[in-house]
Amino acid sequence: MPDVSTSRPHRGQIAEALAHLERIVVEGLKHGFFDYSIACEIGNGGKRHLVIRAGKFHKFTIPENELSC
């Protein structure tokens, strides 16, 4: 697992998706239980469609050029 303290910060949709994941995990921990699912598929132009199901459905479209960060 990479050392988060030395990795480059994420930007764009990746940063938004990670921030969202952090929020819902913390909310779930405060509540006491949770069940989330995360899925990813590749769409047109190499874009990744990241789907987070956590009571609600959240979809993030991540352009291929953001993956090099």
PDB file of N, CA and C in Angstrom:
ATOM      1  N   MET A   1       0.840  -1.170   0.000  1.00  0.00           N
ATOM      2  CA  MET A   1       0.000   0.000   0.000  1.00  0.00           C
ATOM      3  C   MET A   1       0.892   1.243   0.000  1.00  0.00           C
ATOM      4  N   PRO A   2       0.621   2.210  -0.882  1.00  0.00           N
ATOM      5  CA  PRO A   2       1.485   3.387  -0.946  1.00  0.00           C
ATOM      6  C   PRO A   2       1.384   4.238   0.311  1.00  0.00           C
ATOM      7  N   ASP A   3       2.482   4.897   0.631  1.00  0.00           N
ATOM      8  CA  ASP A   3       2.510   5.812   1.767  1.00  0.00           C
ATOM      9  C   ASP A   3       1.809   7.092   1.355  1.00  0.00           C
ATOM     10  N   VAL A   4       0.667   7.375   1.962  1.00  0.00           N
ATOM     11  CA  VAL A   4      -0.148   8.533   1.591  1.00  0.00           C
ATOM     12  C   VAL A   4       0.607   9.833   1.813  1.00  0.00           C
ATOM     13  N   SER A   5       1.459   9.893   2.814  1.00  0.00           N
ATOM     14  CA  SER A   5       2.170  11.132   3.122  1.00  0.00           C
ATOM     15  C   SER A   5       3.160  11.522   2.033  1.00  0.00           C
ATOM     16  N   THR A   6       3.619  10.576   1.208  1.00  0.00           N
ATOM     17  CA  THR A   6       4.588  10.905   0.171  1.00  0.00           C
ATOM     18  C   THR A   6       3.984  10.907  -1.225  1.00  0.00           C
ATOM     19  N   SER A   7       2.722  10.486  -1.363  1.00  0.00           N
ATOM     20  CA  SER A   7       2.115  10.478  -2.688  1.00  0.00           C
ATOM     21  C   SER A   7       1.668  11.888  -3.063  1.00  0.00           C
ATOM     22  N   ARG A   8       1.599  12.130  -4.371  1.00  0.00           N
ATOM     23  CA  ARG A   8       1.159  13.435  -4.833  1.00  0.00           C
ATOM     24  C   ARG A   8      -0.326  13.598  -4.551  1.00  0.00           C
ATOM     25  N   PRO A   9      -0.765  14.819  -4.244  1.00  0.00           N
ATOM     26  CA  PRO A   9      -2.194  15.028  -3.973  1.00  0.00           C
ATOM     27  C   PRO A   9      -3.019  14.809  -5.248  1.00  0.00           C
ATOM     28  N   HIS A  10      -4.213  14.286  -5.065  1.00  0.00           N
ATOM     29  CA  HIS A  10      -5.108  14.071  -6.199  1.00  0.00           C
ATOM     30  C   HIS A  10      -5.840  15.362  -6.506  1.00  0.00           C
ATOM     31  N   ARG A  11      -6.370  15.438  -7.725  1.00  0.00           N
ATOM     32  CA  ARG A  11      -7.103  16.630  -8.135  1.00  0.00           C
ATOM     33  C   ARG A  11      -8.321  16.208  -8.936  1.00  0.00           C
ATOM     34  N   GLY A  12      -9.172  17.154  -9.234  1.00  0.00           N
ATOM     35  CA  GLY A  12     -10.323  16.901 -10.084  1.00  0.00           C
ATOM     36  C   GLY A  12     -11.301  15.901  -9.499  1.00  0.00           C
ATOM     37  N   GLN A  13     -11.838  15.066 -10.361  1.00  0.00           N
ATOM     38  CA  GLN A  13     -12.851  14.090  -9.959  1.00  0.00           C
ATOM     39  C   GLN A  13     -12.313  13.040  -9.003  1.00  0.00           C
ATOM     40  N   ILE A  14     -11.038  12.701  -9.125  1.00  0.00           N
ATOM     41  CA  ILE A  14     -10.455  11.736  -8.186  1.00  0.00           C
ATOM     42  C   ILE A  14     -10.500  12.312  -6.777  1.00  0.00           C
ATOM     43  N   ALA A  15     -10.100  13.567  -6.620  1.00  0.00           N
ATOM     44  CA  ALA A  15     -10.124  14.206  -5.302  1.00  0.00           C
ATOM     45  C   ALA A  15     -11.542  14.281  -4.763  1.00  0.00           C
ATOM     46  N   GLU A  16     -12.508  14.604  -5.621  1.00  0.00           N
ATOM     47  CA  GLU A  16     -13.902  14.675  -5.181  1.00  0.00           C
ATOM     48  C   GLU A  16     -14.411  13.312  -4.738  1.00  0.00           C
ATOM     49  N   ALA A  17     -14.093  12.270  -5.500  1.00  0.00           N
ATOM     50  CA  ALA A  17     -14.540  10.920  -5.163  1.00  0.00           C
ATOM     51  C   ALA A  17     -13.929  10.462  -3.839  1.00  0.00           C
ATOM     52  N   LEU A  18     -12.638  10.700  -3.643  1.00  0.00           N
ATOM     53  CA  LEU A  18     -11.976  10.304  -2.401  1.00  0.00           C
ATOM     54  C   LEU A  18     -12.530  11.068  -1.203  1.00  0.00           C
ATOM     55  N   ALA A  19     -12.791  12.359  -1.376  1.00  0.00           N
ATOM     56  CA  ALA A  19     -13.372  13.154  -0.292  1.00  0.00           C
ATOM     57  C   ALA A  19     -14.767  12.634   0.055  1.00  0.00           C
ATOM     58  N   HIS A  20     -15.537  12.271  -0.968  1.00  0.00           N
ATOM     59  CA  HIS A  20     -16.874  11.728  -0.735  1.00  0.00           C
ATOM     60  C   HIS A  20     -16.788  10.406   0.024  1.00  0.00           C
ATOM     61  N   LEU A  21     -15.884   9.542  -0.393  1.00  0.00           N
ATOM     62  CA  LEU A  21     -15.699   8.264   0.301  1.00  0.00           C
ATOM     63  C   LEU A  21     -15.320   8.473   1.767  1.00  0.00           C
ATOM     64  N   GLU A  22     -14.425   9.401   2.010  1.00  0.00           N
ATOM     65  CA  GLU A  22     -14.023   9.675   3.388  1.00  0.00           C
ATOM     66  C   GLU A  22     -15.224  10.139   4.213  1.00  0.00           C
ATOM     67  N   ARG A  23     -16.034  11.034   3.653  1.00  0.00           N
ATOM     68  CA  ARG A  23     -17.208  11.537   4.373  1.00  0.00           C
ATOM     69  C   ARG A  23     -18.184  10.421   4.720  1.00  0.00           C
ATOM     70  N   ILE A  24     -18.497   9.561   3.746  1.00  0.00           N
ATOM     71  CA  ILE A  24     -19.509   8.546   4.016  1.00  0.00           C
ATOM     72  C   ILE A  24     -18.989   7.458   4.957  1.00  0.00           C
ATOM     73  N   VAL A  25     -17.700   7.165   4.918  1.00  0.00           N
ATOM     74  CA  VAL A  25     -17.144   6.189   5.864  1.00  0.00           C
ATOM     75  C   VAL A  25     -17.207   6.753   7.280  1.00  0.00           C
ATOM     76  N   VAL A  26     -16.825   8.002   7.455  1.00  0.00           N
ATOM     77  CA  VAL A  26     -16.879   8.621   8.782  1.00  0.00           C
ATOM     78  C   VAL A  26     -18.325   8.676   9.275  1.00  0.00           C
ATOM     79  N   GLU A  27     -19.262   9.047   8.404  1.00  0.00           N
ATOM     80  CA  GLU A  27     -20.680   9.063   8.791  1.00  0.00           C
ATOM     81  C   GLU A  27     -21.146   7.673   9.214  1.00  0.00           C
ATOM     82  N   GLY A  28     -20.745   6.651   8.460  1.00  0.00           N
ATOM     83  CA  GLY A  28     -21.113   5.286   8.799  1.00  0.00           C
ATOM     84  C   GLY A  28     -20.538   4.843  10.131  1.00  0.00           C
ATOM     85  N   LEU A  29     -19.287   5.222  10.386  1.00  0.00           N
ATOM     86  CA  LEU A  29     -18.664   4.879  11.668  1.00  0.00           C
ATOM     87  C   LEU A  29     -19.391   5.548  12.833  1.00  0.00           C
ATOM     88  N   LYS A  30     -19.799   6.798  12.642  1.00  0.00           N
ATOM     89  CA  LYS A  30     -20.544   7.495  13.695  1.00  0.00           C
ATOM     90  C   LYS A  30     -21.891   6.822  13.932  1.00  0.00           C
ATOM     91  N   HIS A  31     -22.531   6.377  12.869  1.00  0.00           N
ATOM     92  CA  HIS A  31     -23.834   5.733  12.978  1.00  0.00           C
ATOM     93  C   HIS A  31     -23.704   4.361  13.625  1.00  0.00           C
ATOM     94  N   GLY A  32     -22.626   3.663  13.350  1.00  0.00           N
ATOM     95  CA  GLY A  32     -22.374   2.383  13.981  1.00  0.00           C
ATOM     96  C   GLY A  32     -22.370   1.204  13.036  1.00  0.00           C
ATOM     97  N   PHE A  33     -22.934   1.351  11.856  1.00  0.00           N
ATOM     98  CA  PHE A  33     -22.891   0.280  10.861  1.00  0.00           C
ATOM     99  C   PHE A  33     -23.181   0.873   9.492  1.00  0.00           C
ATOM    100  N   PHE A  34     -22.694   0.183   8.474  1.00  0.00           N
ATOM    101  CA  PHE A  34     -22.951   0.630   7.107  1.00  0.00           C
ATOM    102  C   PHE A  34     -22.638  -0.482   6.134  1.00  0.00           C
ATOM    103  N   ASP A  35     -23.145  -0.322   4.925  1.00  0.00           N
ATOM    104  CA  ASP A  35     -22.882  -1.264   3.846  1.00  0.00           C
ATOM    105  C   ASP A  35     -22.786  -0.444   2.567  1.00  0.00           C
ATOM    106  N   TYR A  36     -21.593  -0.341   2.019  1.00  0.00           N
ATOM    107  CA  TYR A  36     -21.350   0.430   0.813  1.00  0.00           C
ATOM    108  C   TYR A  36     -20.805  -0.485  -0.265  1.00  0.00           C
ATOM    109  N   SER A  37     -20.993  -0.083  -1.517  1.00  0.00           N
ATOM    110  CA  SER A  37     -20.344  -0.796  -2.613  1.00  0.00           C
ATOM    111  C   SER A  37     -19.742   0.224  -3.564  1.00  0.00           C
ATOM    112  N   ILE A  38     -18.646  -0.175  -4.178  1.00  0.00           N
ATOM    113  CA  ILE A  38     -17.931   0.678  -5.123  1.00  0.00           C
ATOM    114  C   ILE A  38     -17.664  -0.145  -6.375  1.00  0.00           C
ATOM    115  N   ALA A  39     -17.954   0.439  -7.526  1.00  0.00           N
ATOM    116  CA  ALA A  39     -17.708  -0.246  -8.796  1.00  0.00           C
ATOM    117  C   ALA A  39     -17.099   0.749  -9.776  1.00  0.00           C
ATOM    118  N   CYS A  40     -16.342   0.229 -10.725  1.00  0.00           N
ATOM    119  CA  CYS A  40     -15.726   1.074 -11.748  1.00  0.00           C
ATOM    120  C   CYS A  40     -15.800   0.361 -13.084  1.00  0.00           C
ATOM    121  N   GLU A  41     -16.054   1.131 -14.125  1.00  0.00           N
ATOM    122  CA  GLU A  41     -16.015   0.593 -15.481  1.00  0.00           C
ATOM    123  C   GLU A  41     -15.407   1.635 -16.397  1.00  0.00           C
ATOM    124  N   ILE A  42     -14.869   1.183 -17.501  1.00  0.00           N
ATOM    125  CA  ILE A  42     -14.248   2.092 -18.470  1.00  0.00           C
ATOM    126  C   ILE A  42     -15.272   2.432 -19.540  1.00  0.00           C
ATOM    127  N   GLY A  43     -15.428   3.741 -19.788  1.00  0.00           N
ATOM    128  CA  GLY A  43     -16.359   4.220 -20.796  1.00  0.00           C
ATOM    129  C   GLY A  43     -15.628   4.765 -22.009  1.00  0.00           C
ATOM    130  N   ASN A  44     -16.345   5.525 -22.812  1.00  0.00           N
ATOM    131  CA  ASN A  44     -15.773   6.133 -24.019  1.00  0.00           C
ATOM    132  C   ASN A  44     -14.590   7.028 -23.683  1.00  0.00           C
ATOM    133  N   GLY A  45     -13.598   7.002 -24.528  1.00  0.00           N
ATOM    134  CA  GLY A  45     -12.437   7.865 -24.367  1.00  0.00           C
ATOM    135  C   GLY A  45     -11.576   7.513 -23.165  1.00  0.00           C
ATOM    136  N   GLY A  46     -11.702   6.295 -22.648  1.00  0.00           N
ATOM    137  CA  GLY A  46     -10.886   5.884 -21.513  1.00  0.00           C
ATOM    138  C   GLY A  46     -11.347   6.446 -20.184  1.00  0.00           C
ATOM    139  N   LYS A  47     -12.507   7.126 -20.166  1.00  0.00           N
ATOM    140  CA  LYS A  47     -13.013   7.686 -18.914  1.00  0.00           C
ATOM    141  C   LYS A  47     -13.453   6.548 -17.997  1.00  0.00           C
ATOM    142  N   ARG A  48     -13.171   6.721 -16.715  1.00  0.00           N
ATOM    143  CA  ARG A  48     -13.601   5.746 -15.713  1.00  0.00           C
ATOM    144  C   ARG A  48     -14.878   6.253 -15.071  1.00  0.00           C
ATOM    145  N   HIS A  49     -15.836   5.368 -14.936  1.00  0.00           N
ATOM    146  CA  HIS A  49     -17.087   5.696 -14.263  1.00  0.00           C
ATOM    147  C   HIS A  49     -17.061   4.985 -12.920  1.00  0.00           C
ATOM    148  N   LEU A  50     -16.844   5.767 -11.872  1.00  0.00           N
ATOM    149  CA  LEU A  50     -16.783   5.249 -10.524  1.00  0.00           C
ATOM    150  C   LEU A  50     -18.149   5.440  -9.886  1.00  0.00           C
ATOM    151  N   VAL A  51     -18.751   4.349  -9.436  1.00  0.00           N
ATOM    152  CA  VAL A  51     -20.087   4.399  -8.842  1.00  0.00           C
ATOM    153  C   VAL A  51     -19.993   3.958  -7.389  1.00  0.00           C
ATOM    154  N   ILE A  52     -20.501   4.809  -6.504  1.00  0.00           N
ATOM    155  CA  ILE A  52     -20.523   4.519  -5.074  1.00  0.00           C
ATOM    156  C   ILE A  52     -21.982   4.411  -4.653  1.00  0.00           C
ATOM    157  N   ARG A  53     -22.335   3.270  -4.115  1.00  0.00           N
ATOM    158  CA  ARG A  53     -23.693   3.068  -3.602  1.00  0.00           C
ATOM    159  C   ARG A  53     -23.599   3.046  -2.079  1.00  0.00           C
ATOM    160  N   ALA A  54     -24.170   4.070  -1.485  1.00  0.00           N
ATOM    161  CA  ALA A  54     -24.128   4.209  -0.025  1.00  0.00           C
ATOM    162  C   ALA A  54     -25.457   4.812   0.429  1.00  0.00           C
ATOM    163  N   GLY A  55     -26.506   4.043   0.283  1.00  0.00           N
ATOM    164  CA  GLY A  55     -27.839   4.580   0.548  1.00  0.00           C
ATOM    165  C   GLY A  55     -28.330   5.356  -0.656  1.00  0.00           C
ATOM    166  N   LYS A  56     -27.486   6.168  -1.190  1.00  0.00           N
ATOM    167  CA  LYS A  56     -27.738   6.910  -2.423  1.00  0.00           C
ATOM    168  C   LYS A  56     -26.725   6.456  -3.462  1.00  0.00           C
ATOM    169  N   PHE A  57     -26.974   6.805  -4.688  1.00  0.00           N
ATOM    170  CA  PHE A  57     -26.141   6.435  -5.820  1.00  0.00           C
ATOM    171  C   PHE A  57     -25.326   7.662  -6.210  1.00  0.00           C
ATOM    172  N   HIS A  58     -24.001   7.563  -6.189  1.00  0.00           N
ATOM    173  CA  HIS A  58     -23.122   8.678  -6.574  1.00  0.00           C
ATOM    174  C   HIS A  58     -22.211   8.196  -7.694  1.00  0.00           C
ATOM    175  N   LYS A  59     -22.137   8.975  -8.759  1.00  0.00           N
ATOM    176  CA  LYS A  59     -21.312   8.587  -9.907  1.00  0.00           C
ATOM    177  C   LYS A  59     -20.307   9.688 -10.203  1.00  0.00           C
ATOM    178  N   PHE A  60     -19.051   9.291 -10.364  1.00  0.00           N
ATOM    179  CA  PHE A  60     -17.974  10.204 -10.706  1.00  0.00           C
ATOM    180  C   PHE A  60     -17.375   9.740 -12.032  1.00  0.00           C
ATOM    181  N   THR A  61     -17.202  10.659 -12.962  1.00  0.00           N
ATOM    182  CA  THR A  61     -16.567  10.338 -14.238  1.00  0.00           C
ATOM    183  C   THR A  61     -15.165  10.924 -14.210  1.00  0.00           C
ATOM    184  N   ILE A  62     -14.185  10.042 -14.310  1.00  0.00           N
ATOM    185  CA  ILE A  62     -12.779  10.446 -14.165  1.00  0.00           C
ATOM    186  C   ILE A  62     -12.085  10.327 -15.503  1.00  0.00           C
ATOM    187  N   PRO A  63     -11.656  11.458 -16.091  1.00  0.00           N
ATOM    188  CA  PRO A  63     -10.940  11.416 -17.357  1.00  0.00           C
ATOM    189  C   PRO A  63      -9.616  10.659 -17.225  1.00  0.00           C
ATOM    190  N   GLU A  64      -9.213  10.009 -18.281  1.00  0.00           N
ATOM    191  CA  GLU A  64      -7.986   9.217 -18.262  1.00  0.00           C
ATOM    192  C   GLU A  64      -6.760  10.043 -17.880  1.00  0.00           C
ATOM    193  N   ASN A  65      -6.729  11.317 -18.284  1.00  0.00           N
ATOM    194  CA  ASN A  65      -5.548  12.154 -17.983  1.00  0.00           C
ATOM    195  C   ASN A  65      -5.401  12.460 -16.492  1.00  0.00           C
ATOM    196  N   GLU A  66      -6.469  12.283 -15.701  1.00  0.00           N
ATOM    197  CA  GLU A  66      -6.356  12.488 -14.248  1.00  0.00           C
ATOM    198  C   GLU A  66      -5.722  11.286 -13.556  1.00  0.00           C
ATOM    199  N   LEU A  67      -5.623  10.167 -14.248  1.00  0.00           N
ATOM    200  CA  LEU A  67      -5.088   8.949 -13.634  1.00  0.00           C
ATOM    201  C   LEU A  67      -3.582   8.985 -13.465  1.00  0.00           C
ATOM    202  N   SER A  68      -2.914   9.907 -14.117  1.00  0.00           N
ATOM    203  CA  SER A  68      -1.455   9.988 -14.008  1.00  0.00           C
ATOM    204  C   SER A  68      -1.000  10.771 -12.794  1.00  0.00           C
ATOM    205  N   CYS A  69      -1.943  11.274 -12.004  1.00  0.00           N
ATOM    206  CA  CYS A  69      -1.559  12.090 -10.831  1.00  0.00           C
ATOM    207  C   CYS A  69      -1.142  11.245  -9.672  1.00  0.00           C
TER     208      CYS A  69
END
